Amino acid sequence: MGQILHLVSMGRLRRLWVPVMMVAAGLACGSPPALAQSAGQGVEKDTELDCPAAHPHPIDVVKFSLTRVLAAAGGGQQKKIEARRAAQELFDFDEMSSRMLADYWQESSSSEQREFVRLFTELLERSYLYSLRSVPAAAVTFLGETVNGSYAQVQSRIATSRFGETSVEYRLVDHDGRWAVYDVVLDGVSLVSSYRSQFTSILRTSSFAQLLEKLRSREQSDPRNGQGP
């Protein structure tokens, strides 16, 4: 249990991920708040974003995700439900889980894999969607995208009075025409790599079933259960 608690509260990762993963977790279209745009993007600052095209570019997927979740911040129960549904649509949690667990993923059973994905999804929602309200839309600037076949990176930065400026890179994979985020890198720190290190450390001395039990215990003891952005 102690290792899992360390996993979600390491000083550097907590400082970086809390204000940023919130803004990554969402996908839908509507009438969200406008975001600051970098020069040359072709989108005026304070211009309301429309619903994305049928086959949006990776940068558009992330932009609409961000604005949709920020629009849900501070809302009622229905808004919280929408934000959680949006997170599941933006992130490829199966891809993230397999990358985090590496060889341990292949060694686990299908039922164990499904349970891990469920628990890890809940872990991210509790730890980060809860802090969504702390990020103002005006603090986000998108810098561009790089596409290489079925993989893409979206570069951005977030400026806050408390943490200064943080570079944010969203890594996406194209699954049958749908772009989904499988990793986020802040100031050079990869979410997937950081969690892989922690989970590997646990699994060296514990079974996969014991890891799942630790995650379940964390889920039950977290006071933020039932709370949202």
Protein backbone atom coordinates (compact mmCIF):
# COMPACT_ATOMS: atom_id res chain seq x y z
CA MET A 1 0.00 0.00 0.00
CA GLY A 2 2.83 2.36 0.82
CA GLN A 3 4.31 1.99 -2.66
CA ILE A 4 1.01 2.88 -4.32
CA LEU A 5 0.65 5.95 -2.13
CA HIS A 6 4.15 6.98 -3.17
CA LEU A 7 3.19 6.37 -6.78
CA VAL A 8 0.54 9.07 -6.84
CA SER A 9 2.22 11.57 -4.56
CA MET A 10 5.86 11.83 -5.66
CA GLY A 11 6.91 15.46 -5.27
CA ARG A 12 7.97 16.25 -8.83
CA LEU A 13 5.21 14.32 -10.57
CA ARG A 14 2.52 15.74 -8.31
CA ARG A 15 3.80 19.27 -8.92
CA LEU A 16 3.70 18.76 -12.67
CA TRP A 17 0.78 16.41 -13.30
CA VAL A 18 -1.93 17.84 -11.03
CA PRO A 19 -2.49 21.06 -13.01
CA VAL A 20 -1.99 19.48 -16.43
CA MET A 21 -3.54 16.02 -16.64
CA MET A 22 -6.86 17.56 -15.78
CA VAL A 23 -6.85 19.58 -18.93
CA ALA A 24 -5.91 16.56 -20.98
CA ALA A 25 -8.78 14.42 -19.79
CA GLY A 26 -11.77 14.98 -22.03
CA LEU A 27 -13.18 14.64 -25.53
CA ALA A 28 -16.40 16.03 -26.95
CA CYS A 29 -17.64 19.08 -28.79
CA GLY A 30 -19.87 21.87 -27.68
CA SER A 31 -19.37 25.52 -26.73
CA PRO A 32 -16.28 25.46 -24.48
CA PRO A 33 -14.20 28.41 -23.32
CA ALA A 34 -11.68 29.77 -25.81
CA LEU A 35 -7.98 28.93 -25.46
CA ALA A 36 -4.90 30.97 -26.22
CA GLN A 37 -3.40 30.00 -29.57
CA SER A 38 0.18 30.18 -30.78
CA ALA A 39 0.99 32.39 -33.75
CA GLY A 40 0.46 30.74 -37.12
CA GLN A 41 -2.17 28.29 -35.89
CA GLY A 42 -4.87 30.04 -37.88
CA VAL A 43 -7.19 30.38 -34.91
CA GLU A 44 -7.79 33.76 -33.36
CA LYS A 45 -7.47 34.09 -29.60
CA ASP A 46 -10.87 34.15 -27.89
CA THR A 47 -12.49 32.52 -30.91
CA GLU A 48 -15.03 29.89 -29.87
CA LEU A 49 -14.04 26.43 -31.09
CA ASP A 50 -16.50 24.54 -33.26
CA CYS A 51 -17.20 20.84 -33.23
CA PRO A 52 -14.21 18.94 -34.75
CA ALA A 53 -14.36 17.49 -38.24
CA ALA A 54 -15.07 13.81 -38.86
CA HIS A 55 -11.30 13.12 -39.02
CA PRO A 56 -9.69 15.84 -36.88
CA HIS A 57 -5.98 16.44 -36.62
CA PRO A 58 -4.31 15.34 -33.37
CA ILE A 59 -3.97 18.95 -32.19
CA ASP A 60 -7.70 19.49 -32.71
CA VAL A 61 -8.51 16.37 -30.68
CA VAL A 62 -6.48 17.69 -27.74
CA LYS A 63 -7.88 21.23 -28.04
CA PHE A 64 -11.49 20.06 -27.99
CA SER A 65 -10.70 17.65 -25.18
CA LEU A 66 -9.24 20.43 -23.08
CA THR A 67 -12.01 22.91 -23.67
CA ARG A 68 -14.73 20.33 -23.03
CA VAL A 69 -13.34 19.36 -19.64
CA LEU A 70 -12.69 22.94 -18.59
CA ALA A 71 -16.32 23.69 -19.45
CA ALA A 72 -17.36 20.96 -17.00
CA ALA A 73 -15.26 22.30 -14.11
CA GLY A 74 -17.37 23.43 -11.19
CA GLY A 75 -20.56 22.07 -12.74
CA GLY A 76 -23.18 19.76 -11.32
CA GLN A 77 -23.29 15.97 -11.23
CA GLN A 78 -24.12 15.68 -14.91
CA LYS A 79 -21.03 17.74 -15.80
CA LYS A 80 -18.90 15.43 -13.66
CA ILE A 81 -20.29 12.41 -15.48
CA GLU A 82 -19.55 14.05 -18.83
CA ALA A 83 -15.96 14.82 -17.79
CA ARG A 84 -15.33 11.21 -16.79
CA ARG A 85 -16.89 9.89 -19.98
CA ALA A 86 -14.76 12.33 -21.94
CA ALA A 87 -11.57 11.09 -20.27
CA GLN A 88 -12.33 7.55 -21.32
CA GLU A 89 -12.85 8.71 -24.90
CA LEU A 90 -9.64 10.72 -25.14
CA PHE A 91 -7.18 8.38 -23.43
CA ASP A 92 -6.32 4.91 -24.67
CA PHE A 93 -6.13 3.35 -21.22
CA ASP A 94 -5.46 -0.13 -22.62
CA GLU A 95 -2.43 1.16 -24.53
CA MET A 96 -1.23 3.12 -21.50
CA SER A 97 -1.62 0.11 -19.24
CA SER A 98 0.26 -2.27 -21.52
CA ARG A 99 3.13 0.22 -21.86
CA MET A 100 3.27 0.83 -18.11
CA LEU A 101 3.35 -2.85 -17.21
CA ALA A 102 5.61 -3.96 -20.10
CA ASP A 103 6.31 -7.73 -19.82
CA TYR A 104 4.03 -8.03 -16.79
CA TRP A 105 1.10 -7.11 -19.04
CA GLN A 106 1.70 -10.09 -21.31
CA GLU A 107 2.10 -12.40 -18.32
CA SER A 108 -1.24 -11.38 -16.77
CA SER A 109 -4.60 -12.91 -17.64
CA SER A 110 -7.31 -11.11 -19.64
CA SER A 111 -9.43 -10.66 -16.52
CA GLU A 112 -6.45 -9.20 -14.63
CA GLN A 113 -5.76 -6.82 -17.52
CA ARG A 114 -9.36 -5.61 -17.58
CA GLU A 115 -9.35 -5.05 -13.82
CA PHE A 116 -6.06 -3.17 -13.96
CA VAL A 117 -7.36 -0.86 -16.70
CA ARG A 118 -10.51 -0.17 -14.67
CA LEU A 119 -8.59 0.59 -11.49
CA PHE A 120 -5.95 2.68 -13.24
CA THR A 121 -8.63 4.71 -15.01
CA GLU A 122 -10.24 5.42 -11.66
CA LEU A 123 -6.85 6.35 -10.20
CA LEU A 124 -6.26 9.01 -12.85
CA GLU A 125 -9.77 10.39 -12.55
CA ARG A 126 -9.56 10.72 -8.77
CA SER A 127 -6.05 12.14 -8.71
CA TYR A 128 -6.31 14.63 -11.54
CA LEU A 129 -9.86 15.45 -12.61
CA TYR A 130 -10.42 16.56 -9.01
CA SER A 131 -7.89 19.37 -9.56
CA LEU A 132 -9.20 20.48 -12.95
CA ARG A 133 -10.74 23.68 -11.65
CA SER A 134 -7.29 25.09 -10.81
CA VAL A 135 -6.31 25.54 -14.48
CA PRO A 136 -7.68 28.62 -16.29
CA ALA A 137 -8.30 28.25 -20.02
CA ALA A 138 -6.21 31.35 -20.76
CA ALA A 139 -3.13 29.64 -19.30
CA VAL A 140 -2.95 27.09 -22.14
CA THR A 141 -1.13 27.72 -25.43
CA PHE A 142 -0.85 25.17 -28.24
CA LEU A 143 2.40 25.31 -30.21
CA GLY A 144 1.91 22.74 -32.97
CA GLU A 145 1.81 19.07 -33.88
CA THR A 146 4.09 16.46 -35.45
CA VAL A 147 2.59 13.44 -37.21
CA ASN A 148 4.63 10.37 -38.15
CA GLY A 149 2.41 7.67 -39.60
CA SER A 150 0.05 6.38 -36.92
CA TYR A 151 1.78 8.34 -34.15
CA ALA A 152 1.65 12.04 -33.31
CA GLN A 153 2.85 14.56 -30.76
CA VAL A 154 1.01 17.76 -29.81
CA GLN A 155 3.14 20.44 -28.18
CA SER A 156 1.73 22.99 -25.77
CA ARG A 157 2.58 24.93 -22.64
CA ILE A 158 0.68 25.90 -19.52
CA ALA A 159 1.49 29.03 -17.53
CA THR A 160 0.27 29.39 -13.95
CA SER A 161 1.18 31.94 -11.31
CA ARG A 162 2.13 29.21 -8.87
CA PHE A 163 4.12 26.77 -11.00
CA GLY A 164 5.46 29.05 -13.71
CA GLU A 165 5.48 27.68 -17.25
CA THR A 166 5.34 23.96 -18.00
CA SER A 167 5.89 22.36 -21.41
CA VAL A 168 3.30 19.70 -22.22
CA GLU A 169 3.58 17.11 -24.98
CA TYR A 170 0.62 14.85 -25.72
CA ARG A 171 1.52 11.59 -27.44
CA LEU A 172 -1.22 10.04 -29.53
CA VAL A 173 -1.77 6.90 -31.58
CA ASP A 174 -4.20 6.45 -34.48
CA HIS A 175 -6.54 3.50 -33.99
CA ASP A 176 -8.70 3.03 -37.09
CA GLY A 177 -8.98 6.76 -37.75
CA ARG A 178 -9.37 7.80 -34.11
CA TRP A 179 -6.54 9.63 -32.38
CA ALA A 180 -6.13 8.77 -28.69
CA VAL A 181 -3.60 9.86 -26.08
CA TYR A 182 -1.34 7.13 -24.68
CA ASP A 183 1.18 9.33 -22.84
CA VAL A 184 1.71 12.90 -21.66
CA VAL A 185 5.18 14.38 -21.10
CA LEU A 186 5.66 17.44 -18.91
CA ASP A 187 9.02 19.18 -18.79
CA GLY A 188 10.57 15.96 -20.10
CA VAL A 189 8.85 13.70 -17.53
CA SER A 190 6.75 10.92 -19.10
CA LEU A 191 3.66 9.75 -17.26
CA VAL A 192 3.96 6.24 -18.71
CA SER A 193 7.66 5.89 -17.89
CA SER A 194 7.17 7.17 -14.35
CA TYR A 195 4.32 4.79 -13.61
CA ARG A 196 6.19 1.92 -15.30
CA SER A 197 9.08 2.41 -12.89
CA GLN A 198 6.76 2.39 -9.88
CA PHE A 199 4.67 -0.62 -10.99
CA THR A 200 7.79 -2.60 -11.93
CA SER A 201 9.24 -1.96 -8.49
CA ILE A 202 6.07 -3.29 -6.87
CA LEU A 203 5.79 -6.34 -9.14
CA ARG A 204 9.37 -7.42 -8.43
CA THR A 205 8.28 -8.41 -4.93
CA SER A 206 4.50 -8.81 -5.30
CA SER A 207 2.17 -10.78 -7.54
CA PHE A 208 -0.11 -9.15 -10.09
CA ALA A 209 -3.08 -10.05 -7.90
CA GLN A 210 -1.43 -8.24 -4.98
CA LEU A 211 -0.89 -5.16 -7.14
CA LEU A 212 -4.58 -5.16 -8.02
CA GLU A 213 -5.47 -5.47 -4.34
CA LYS A 214 -3.26 -2.49 -3.51
CA LEU A 215 -5.06 -0.45 -6.17
CA ARG A 216 -8.46 -1.53 -4.85
CA SER A 217 -7.43 -0.52 -1.33
CA ARG A 218 -6.33 2.86 -2.67
CA GLU A 219 -9.67 3.25 -4.45
CA GLN A 220 -11.67 2.49 -1.31
CA SER A 221 -9.61 4.71 1.00
CA ASP A 222 -9.38 7.78 -1.27
CA PRO A 223 -11.52 10.60 0.25
CA ARG A 224 -12.01 12.05 -3.25
CA ASN A 225 -14.12 9.07 -4.31
CA GLY A 226 -17.40 10.33 -5.65
CA GLN A 227 -16.03 13.83 -6.19
CA GLY A 228 -15.35 15.41 -9.54
CA PRO A 229 -13.98 18.50 -11.18
